[in-house]
N, C-alpha and C. Protein backbone atom coordinates (compact mmCIF):
# COMPACT_ATOMS: atom_id res chain seq x y z
N MET A 1 74.64 78.36 99.95
CA MET A 1 75.19 79.64 100.34
C MET A 1 76.64 79.74 99.87
N ASN A 2 77.01 80.88 99.36
CA ASN A 2 78.35 81.12 98.87
C ASN A 2 79.33 81.18 100.05
N SER A 3 80.53 80.63 99.88
CA SER A 3 81.51 80.60 100.96
C SER A 3 82.01 81.99 101.34
N THR A 4 81.96 82.93 100.40
CA THR A 4 82.45 84.28 100.71
C THR A 4 81.45 85.07 101.53
N SER A 5 80.20 84.65 101.55
CA SER A 5 79.20 85.40 102.32
C SER A 5 79.31 85.14 103.81
N SER A 6 80.06 84.12 104.21
CA SER A 6 80.20 83.82 105.62
C SER A 6 81.38 84.54 106.26
N ILE A 7 82.09 85.36 105.50
CA ILE A 7 83.25 86.10 106.04
C ILE A 7 82.73 87.20 106.95
N ASN A 8 83.37 87.36 108.10
CA ASN A 8 83.00 88.40 109.05
C ASN A 8 83.46 89.75 108.53
N THR A 9 82.50 90.62 108.18
CA THR A 9 82.84 91.95 107.65
C THR A 9 82.81 93.02 108.72
N THR A 10 82.61 92.65 109.97
CA THR A 10 82.55 93.62 111.04
C THR A 10 83.84 93.63 111.87
N ALA A 11 84.96 93.34 111.22
CA ALA A 11 86.25 93.33 111.93
C ALA A 11 86.56 94.75 112.42
N ARG A 12 87.12 94.81 113.62
CA ARG A 12 87.47 96.11 114.18
C ARG A 12 88.69 96.69 113.49
N PRO A 13 88.67 97.98 113.25
CA PRO A 13 89.85 98.61 112.65
C PRO A 13 91.03 98.57 113.64
N ARG A 14 92.18 98.47 113.11
CA ARG A 14 93.40 98.40 113.94
C ARG A 14 94.21 99.66 113.71
N MET A 15 94.96 100.04 114.74
CA MET A 15 95.85 101.22 114.66
C MET A 15 97.29 100.71 114.57
N PHE A 16 98.12 101.42 113.82
CA PHE A 16 99.54 101.09 113.75
C PHE A 16 100.32 102.38 113.52
N GLN A 17 101.60 102.32 113.81
CA GLN A 17 102.49 103.46 113.64
C GLN A 17 103.51 103.17 112.55
N MET A 18 103.87 104.23 111.81
CA MET A 18 104.83 104.06 110.74
C MET A 18 105.47 105.43 110.45
N PRO A 19 106.78 105.48 110.29
CA PRO A 19 107.39 106.76 109.92
C PRO A 19 107.09 107.05 108.45
N VAL A 20 106.84 108.31 108.14
CA VAL A 20 106.52 108.73 106.79
C VAL A 20 107.61 109.68 106.29
N PHE A 21 108.38 109.20 105.34
CA PHE A 21 109.43 110.02 104.74
C PHE A 21 108.88 110.63 103.47
N LYS A 22 108.78 111.96 103.42
CA LYS A 22 108.33 112.65 102.23
C LYS A 22 109.07 113.97 102.14
N PRO A 23 109.13 114.58 100.95
CA PRO A 23 109.88 115.83 100.79
C PRO A 23 109.45 116.88 101.82
N GLY A 24 110.45 117.50 102.43
CA GLY A 24 110.19 118.55 103.41
C GLY A 24 110.13 118.05 104.85
N THR A 25 110.09 116.75 105.06
CA THR A 25 110.03 116.20 106.41
C THR A 25 111.37 116.42 107.11
N ARG A 26 111.32 116.85 108.36
CA ARG A 26 112.53 117.05 109.18
C ARG A 26 112.85 115.75 109.90
N VAL A 27 114.11 115.29 109.77
CA VAL A 27 114.58 114.07 110.40
C VAL A 27 115.87 114.34 111.14
N LEU A 28 116.26 113.42 112.03
CA LEU A 28 117.55 113.52 112.72
C LEU A 28 118.49 112.46 112.17
N GLN A 29 119.71 112.89 111.86
CA GLN A 29 120.75 111.96 111.43
C GLN A 29 122.01 112.29 112.22
N GLY A 30 122.40 111.38 113.06
CA GLY A 30 123.61 111.59 113.86
C GLY A 30 123.52 112.80 114.76
N GLY A 31 122.32 113.10 115.28
CA GLY A 31 122.13 114.22 116.18
C GLY A 31 121.92 115.56 115.48
N ARG A 32 122.00 115.58 114.16
CA ARG A 32 121.77 116.82 113.40
C ARG A 32 120.42 116.75 112.70
N GLU A 33 119.73 117.89 112.65
CA GLU A 33 118.45 117.94 111.97
C GLU A 33 118.68 118.16 110.47
N GLU A 34 118.04 117.33 109.67
CA GLU A 34 118.16 117.40 108.21
C GLU A 34 116.76 117.45 107.61
N THR A 35 116.67 117.77 106.32
CA THR A 35 115.40 117.82 105.60
C THR A 35 115.42 116.81 104.46
N VAL A 36 114.34 116.06 104.30
CA VAL A 36 114.23 115.07 103.23
C VAL A 36 114.02 115.82 101.91
N SER A 37 114.84 115.45 100.92
CA SER A 37 114.71 116.00 99.57
C SER A 37 113.72 115.16 98.75
N HIS A 38 114.02 113.87 98.67
CA HIS A 38 113.13 112.95 97.97
C HIS A 38 113.43 111.51 98.43
N VAL A 39 112.53 110.60 98.08
CA VAL A 39 112.65 109.21 98.47
C VAL A 39 112.62 108.35 97.21
N LEU A 40 113.48 107.35 97.17
CA LEU A 40 113.56 106.47 96.01
C LEU A 40 113.37 105.02 96.45
N LEU A 41 112.52 104.30 95.74
CA LEU A 41 112.35 102.86 95.97
C LEU A 41 113.02 102.14 94.81
N ARG A 42 114.00 101.32 95.14
CA ARG A 42 114.75 100.60 94.10
C ARG A 42 115.06 99.19 94.58
N ARG A 43 114.65 98.23 93.81
CA ARG A 43 114.93 96.82 94.14
C ARG A 43 114.54 96.46 95.56
N ARG A 44 113.32 96.81 95.91
CA ARG A 44 112.75 96.51 97.23
C ARG A 44 113.45 97.21 98.38
N GLU A 45 114.23 98.24 98.09
CA GLU A 45 114.89 99.01 99.14
C GLU A 45 114.48 100.47 99.02
N MET A 46 114.30 101.11 100.17
CA MET A 46 113.96 102.52 100.19
C MET A 46 115.20 103.30 100.57
N MET A 47 115.50 104.34 99.80
CA MET A 47 116.62 105.21 100.09
C MET A 47 116.10 106.63 100.21
N VAL A 48 116.56 107.34 101.23
CA VAL A 48 116.13 108.70 101.49
C VAL A 48 117.25 109.64 101.12
N TYR A 49 116.93 110.63 100.31
CA TYR A 49 117.92 111.65 99.93
C TYR A 49 117.64 112.90 100.76
N LEU A 50 118.70 113.47 101.32
CA LEU A 50 118.58 114.66 102.16
C LEU A 50 119.01 115.90 101.36
N VAL A 51 118.43 117.03 101.72
CA VAL A 51 118.74 118.29 101.04
C VAL A 51 120.23 118.60 101.21
N GLY A 52 120.89 118.89 100.10
CA GLY A 52 122.31 119.26 100.13
C GLY A 52 123.25 118.09 100.18
N ARG A 53 122.76 116.87 100.10
CA ARG A 53 123.62 115.67 100.14
C ARG A 53 123.47 114.90 98.83
N ASP A 54 124.57 114.34 98.34
CA ASP A 54 124.53 113.56 97.11
C ASP A 54 124.22 112.08 97.34
N ASP A 55 124.66 111.56 98.47
CA ASP A 55 124.49 110.14 98.75
C ASP A 55 123.20 109.87 99.50
N PRO A 56 122.50 108.76 99.16
CA PRO A 56 121.27 108.41 99.87
C PRO A 56 121.56 107.86 101.25
N VAL A 57 120.53 107.85 102.10
CA VAL A 57 120.65 107.34 103.47
C VAL A 57 119.56 106.28 103.66
N ARG A 58 119.91 105.19 104.30
CA ARG A 58 118.90 104.17 104.63
C ARG A 58 117.99 104.71 105.72
N PRO A 59 116.68 104.43 105.62
CA PRO A 59 115.73 104.96 106.61
C PRO A 59 116.01 104.56 108.05
N ASP A 60 116.62 103.40 108.26
CA ASP A 60 116.89 102.96 109.63
C ASP A 60 117.99 103.77 110.29
N ARG A 61 118.70 104.60 109.52
CA ARG A 61 119.74 105.48 110.07
C ARG A 61 119.20 106.86 110.42
N LEU A 62 117.91 107.07 110.17
CA LEU A 62 117.28 108.36 110.45
C LEU A 62 116.28 108.22 111.58
N THR A 63 116.12 109.27 112.36
CA THR A 63 115.15 109.28 113.44
C THR A 63 113.99 110.19 113.04
N LEU A 64 112.78 109.64 113.13
CA LEU A 64 111.59 110.36 112.75
C LEU A 64 110.43 109.87 113.61
N GLU A 65 109.65 110.80 114.14
CA GLU A 65 108.48 110.45 114.95
C GLU A 65 107.46 109.75 114.05
N PRO A 66 107.07 108.51 114.38
CA PRO A 66 106.09 107.81 113.53
C PRO A 66 104.70 108.43 113.64
N GLN A 67 103.93 108.27 112.59
CA GLN A 67 102.55 108.76 112.55
C GLN A 67 101.61 107.59 112.77
N TRP A 68 100.43 107.88 113.32
CA TRP A 68 99.39 106.86 113.56
C TRP A 68 98.53 106.69 112.31
N PHE A 69 98.21 105.44 111.99
CA PHE A 69 97.33 105.11 110.88
C PHE A 69 96.29 104.12 111.35
N THR A 70 95.22 104.01 110.61
CA THR A 70 94.17 103.03 110.94
C THR A 70 93.82 102.24 109.70
N THR A 71 93.30 101.04 109.90
CA THR A 71 92.86 100.22 108.78
C THR A 71 91.37 100.45 108.50
N LYS A 72 90.75 101.36 109.24
CA LYS A 72 89.32 101.65 109.06
C LYS A 72 89.11 102.37 107.73
N ARG A 73 88.12 101.92 107.00
CA ARG A 73 87.78 102.56 105.73
C ARG A 73 86.82 103.71 105.98
N ASN A 74 87.10 104.84 105.36
CA ASN A 74 86.23 106.00 105.47
C ASN A 74 85.71 106.33 104.07
N PRO A 75 84.50 105.91 103.76
CA PRO A 75 83.99 106.20 102.42
C PRO A 75 83.84 107.71 102.22
N GLU A 76 84.30 108.17 101.07
CA GLU A 76 84.23 109.59 100.76
C GLU A 76 83.37 109.77 99.51
N ALA A 77 82.64 110.86 99.48
CA ALA A 77 81.84 111.16 98.29
C ALA A 77 82.76 111.53 97.13
N LEU A 78 82.35 111.16 95.94
CA LEU A 78 83.14 111.50 94.75
C LEU A 78 83.09 113.00 94.53
N GLN A 79 84.24 113.58 94.24
CA GLN A 79 84.34 115.01 94.04
C GLN A 79 84.61 115.37 92.58
N TRP A 80 84.48 114.41 91.70
CA TRP A 80 84.75 114.67 90.30
C TRP A 80 83.59 114.16 89.46
N TYR A 81 83.54 114.63 88.25
CA TYR A 81 82.47 114.23 87.33
C TYR A 81 83.09 113.70 86.04
N LEU A 82 82.38 112.81 85.42
CA LEU A 82 82.88 112.23 84.14
C LEU A 82 82.73 113.21 83.02
């Protein structure tokens, strides 16, 4: 028997929370509401640019309600053709 066939494939999906920074998202910075312009990943660091600001902001300096995610796979039918 192959060693990979003994792996438990019925693991329960887990839930986790994570803030999602994307263009148009409203965040709080220093008690003021701001809007995310764009997000840049550079050298393993994420920098968030706000609308009307030239300098980037580190995500840990922004307040944003985290969203819930799951590790459960949801198979979807293909919607495209070759």
